[in-house]
């Protein structure tokens, strides 16, 4: 689950980077626009993965410097 969440967060980060640098939304381009059902599914999964990854910040296994 951790790996899948991290992959989705990376996809989201790369997509936002493309939007910021080139005004190009790769997810929307691949799945038929920002309002397309599949695009909304991907955006939702990325959002859920981001929320899931919060556990890495506050998790018990965090290594202290």
N, C-alpha and C. Protein backbone atom coordinates (compact mmCIF):
# COMPACT_ATOMS: atom_id res chain seq x y z
N UNK A 1 0.83 -1.19 0.00
CA UNK A 1 0.00 0.00 0.00
C UNK A 1 0.87 1.25 0.00
N UNK A 2 1.95 1.23 0.77
CA UNK A 2 2.84 2.40 0.83
C UNK A 2 3.41 2.72 -0.55
N UNK A 3 3.85 1.69 -1.26
CA UNK A 3 4.45 1.89 -2.58
C UNK A 3 3.44 2.46 -3.57
N UNK A 4 2.24 1.92 -3.56
CA UNK A 4 1.20 2.40 -4.47
C UNK A 4 0.86 3.86 -4.18
N UNK A 5 0.77 4.20 -2.90
CA UNK A 5 0.47 5.58 -2.52
C UNK A 5 1.59 6.52 -2.95
N UNK A 6 2.83 6.10 -2.75
CA UNK A 6 3.95 6.95 -3.16
C UNK A 6 4.00 7.13 -4.67
N UNK A 7 3.70 6.09 -5.42
CA UNK A 7 3.67 6.21 -6.88
C UNK A 7 2.60 7.21 -7.31
N UNK A 8 1.43 7.14 -6.70
CA UNK A 8 0.36 8.08 -7.05
C UNK A 8 0.73 9.51 -6.66
N UNK A 9 1.38 9.69 -5.53
CA UNK A 9 1.80 11.03 -5.12
C UNK A 9 2.85 11.57 -6.09
N UNK A 10 3.75 10.72 -6.54
CA UNK A 10 4.75 11.14 -7.52
C UNK A 10 4.10 11.53 -8.84
N UNK A 11 3.12 10.74 -9.28
CA UNK A 11 2.39 11.08 -10.50
C UNK A 11 1.71 12.44 -10.35
N UNK A 12 1.09 12.67 -9.20
CA UNK A 12 0.45 13.96 -8.96
C UNK A 12 1.45 15.10 -8.95
N UNK A 13 2.60 14.89 -8.33
CA UNK A 13 3.62 15.93 -8.28
C UNK A 13 4.15 16.25 -9.68
N UNK A 14 4.41 15.22 -10.47
CA UNK A 14 4.87 15.45 -11.83
C UNK A 14 3.82 16.17 -12.67
N UNK A 15 2.57 15.79 -12.48
CA UNK A 15 1.50 16.45 -13.22
C UNK A 15 1.41 17.93 -12.85
N UNK A 16 1.48 18.24 -11.55
CA UNK A 16 1.44 19.65 -11.12
C UNK A 16 2.66 20.41 -11.62
N UNK A 17 3.81 19.74 -11.68
CA UNK A 17 4.99 20.39 -12.23
C UNK A 17 4.80 20.73 -13.70
N UNK A 18 4.20 19.82 -14.46
CA UNK A 18 3.92 20.10 -15.87
C UNK A 18 2.93 21.25 -16.02
N UNK A 19 1.94 21.28 -15.15
CA UNK A 19 0.96 22.37 -15.20
C UNK A 19 1.65 23.70 -14.90
N UNK A 20 2.51 23.71 -13.90
CA UNK A 20 3.19 24.95 -13.51
C UNK A 20 4.17 25.43 -14.57
N UNK A 21 4.92 24.52 -15.13
CA UNK A 21 5.97 24.92 -16.07
C UNK A 21 5.48 25.13 -17.50
N UNK A 22 4.57 24.28 -17.93
CA UNK A 22 4.18 24.29 -19.34
C UNK A 22 2.68 24.46 -19.58
N UNK A 23 1.91 24.63 -18.52
CA UNK A 23 0.45 24.71 -18.61
C UNK A 23 -0.11 23.50 -19.37
N UNK A 24 0.42 22.33 -19.03
CA UNK A 24 0.03 21.08 -19.68
C UNK A 24 -0.39 20.09 -18.60
N UNK A 25 -1.64 19.69 -18.62
CA UNK A 25 -2.16 18.72 -17.66
C UNK A 25 -2.14 17.35 -18.31
N UNK A 26 -1.14 16.54 -17.95
CA UNK A 26 -0.95 15.23 -18.57
C UNK A 26 -2.12 14.30 -18.29
N UNK A 27 -2.61 14.30 -17.06
CA UNK A 27 -3.73 13.42 -16.70
C UNK A 27 -4.96 13.76 -17.54
N UNK A 28 -5.27 15.05 -17.63
CA UNK A 28 -6.42 15.47 -18.43
C UNK A 28 -6.22 15.12 -19.90
N UNK A 29 -5.00 15.29 -20.38
CA UNK A 29 -4.71 14.99 -21.78
C UNK A 29 -4.87 13.51 -22.07
N UNK A 30 -4.43 12.66 -21.15
CA UNK A 30 -4.52 11.22 -21.37
C UNK A 30 -5.93 10.67 -21.25
N UNK A 31 -6.73 11.28 -20.36
CA UNK A 31 -8.03 10.69 -20.05
C UNK A 31 -9.23 11.51 -20.50
N UNK A 32 -9.03 12.51 -21.36
CA UNK A 32 -10.15 13.18 -22.00
C UNK A 32 -10.61 14.47 -21.37
N UNK A 33 -9.75 15.19 -20.70
CA UNK A 33 -10.11 16.49 -20.13
C UNK A 33 -10.26 16.42 -18.63
N UNK A 34 -10.26 17.61 -18.01
CA UNK A 34 -10.33 17.66 -16.55
C UNK A 34 -11.67 17.20 -16.00
N UNK A 35 -12.71 17.29 -16.79
CA UNK A 35 -14.04 16.88 -16.32
C UNK A 35 -14.38 15.44 -16.69
N UNK A 36 -13.50 14.76 -17.39
CA UNK A 36 -13.76 13.37 -17.78
C UNK A 36 -13.77 12.47 -16.54
N UNK A 37 -14.59 11.46 -16.60
CA UNK A 37 -14.74 10.55 -15.46
C UNK A 37 -13.41 9.92 -15.05
N UNK A 38 -12.63 9.43 -16.02
CA UNK A 38 -11.37 8.79 -15.69
C UNK A 38 -10.37 9.77 -15.08
N UNK A 39 -10.35 10.99 -15.57
CA UNK A 39 -9.47 12.01 -14.99
C UNK A 39 -9.84 12.26 -13.55
N UNK A 40 -11.13 12.36 -13.27
CA UNK A 40 -11.57 12.61 -11.91
C UNK A 40 -11.22 11.44 -10.99
N UNK A 41 -11.26 10.22 -11.52
CA UNK A 41 -10.85 9.05 -10.74
C UNK A 41 -9.37 9.17 -10.38
N UNK A 42 -8.53 9.49 -11.38
CA UNK A 42 -7.09 9.61 -11.12
C UNK A 42 -6.83 10.73 -10.13
N UNK A 43 -7.47 11.89 -10.31
CA UNK A 43 -7.28 13.00 -9.36
C UNK A 43 -7.70 12.58 -7.95
N UNK A 44 -8.79 11.87 -7.85
CA UNK A 44 -9.25 11.40 -6.54
C UNK A 44 -8.29 10.42 -5.90
N UNK A 45 -7.76 9.49 -6.70
CA UNK A 45 -6.79 8.53 -6.17
C UNK A 45 -5.51 9.22 -5.71
N UNK A 46 -5.07 10.22 -6.47
CA UNK A 46 -3.88 10.98 -6.07
C UNK A 46 -4.15 11.71 -4.75
N UNK A 47 -5.33 12.29 -4.62
CA UNK A 47 -5.67 12.99 -3.37
C UNK A 47 -5.70 12.03 -2.19
N UNK A 48 -6.31 10.87 -2.37
CA UNK A 48 -6.35 9.87 -1.29
C UNK A 48 -4.94 9.39 -0.94
N UNK A 49 -4.11 9.21 -1.95
CA UNK A 49 -2.73 8.78 -1.71
C UNK A 49 -1.97 9.85 -0.93
N UNK A 50 -2.22 11.12 -1.26
CA UNK A 50 -1.57 12.20 -0.52
C UNK A 50 -1.98 12.20 0.94
N UNK A 51 -3.25 11.99 1.20
CA UNK A 51 -3.72 11.91 2.58
C UNK A 51 -3.11 10.71 3.29
N UNK A 52 -3.03 9.59 2.59
CA UNK A 52 -2.44 8.39 3.18
C UNK A 52 -0.97 8.63 3.53
N UNK A 53 -0.25 9.38 2.69
CA UNK A 53 1.18 9.60 2.91
C UNK A 53 1.48 10.53 4.08
N UNK A 54 0.46 11.16 4.62
CA UNK A 54 0.67 11.97 5.82
C UNK A 54 1.23 11.10 6.94
N UNK A 55 0.89 9.83 6.92
CA UNK A 55 1.38 8.92 7.96
C UNK A 55 2.90 8.86 7.98
N UNK A 56 3.56 9.13 6.86
CA UNK A 56 5.02 9.12 6.83
C UNK A 56 5.60 10.27 7.63
N UNK A 57 4.85 11.35 7.76
CA UNK A 57 5.32 12.50 8.53
C UNK A 57 5.13 12.30 10.03
N UNK A 58 4.06 11.63 10.40
CA UNK A 58 3.73 11.50 11.81
C UNK A 58 3.83 10.07 12.32
N UNK A 59 4.36 9.18 11.48
CA UNK A 59 4.43 7.76 11.84
C UNK A 59 5.40 7.48 12.96
N UNK A 60 5.20 6.36 13.63
CA UNK A 60 6.04 5.96 14.75
C UNK A 60 7.43 5.52 14.30
N UNK A 61 7.56 5.12 13.04
CA UNK A 61 8.83 4.63 12.53
C UNK A 61 9.74 5.74 12.01
N UNK A 62 9.39 6.95 12.25
CA UNK A 62 10.17 8.07 11.75
C UNK A 62 11.54 8.11 12.43
N UNK A 63 12.56 8.26 11.63
CA UNK A 63 13.92 8.30 12.13
C UNK A 63 14.24 9.71 12.58
N UNK A 64 14.79 9.84 13.79
CA UNK A 64 15.15 11.16 14.32
C UNK A 64 16.61 11.42 14.07
N UNK A 65 16.91 12.67 13.72
CA UNK A 65 18.30 13.07 13.48
C UNK A 65 19.01 13.37 14.77
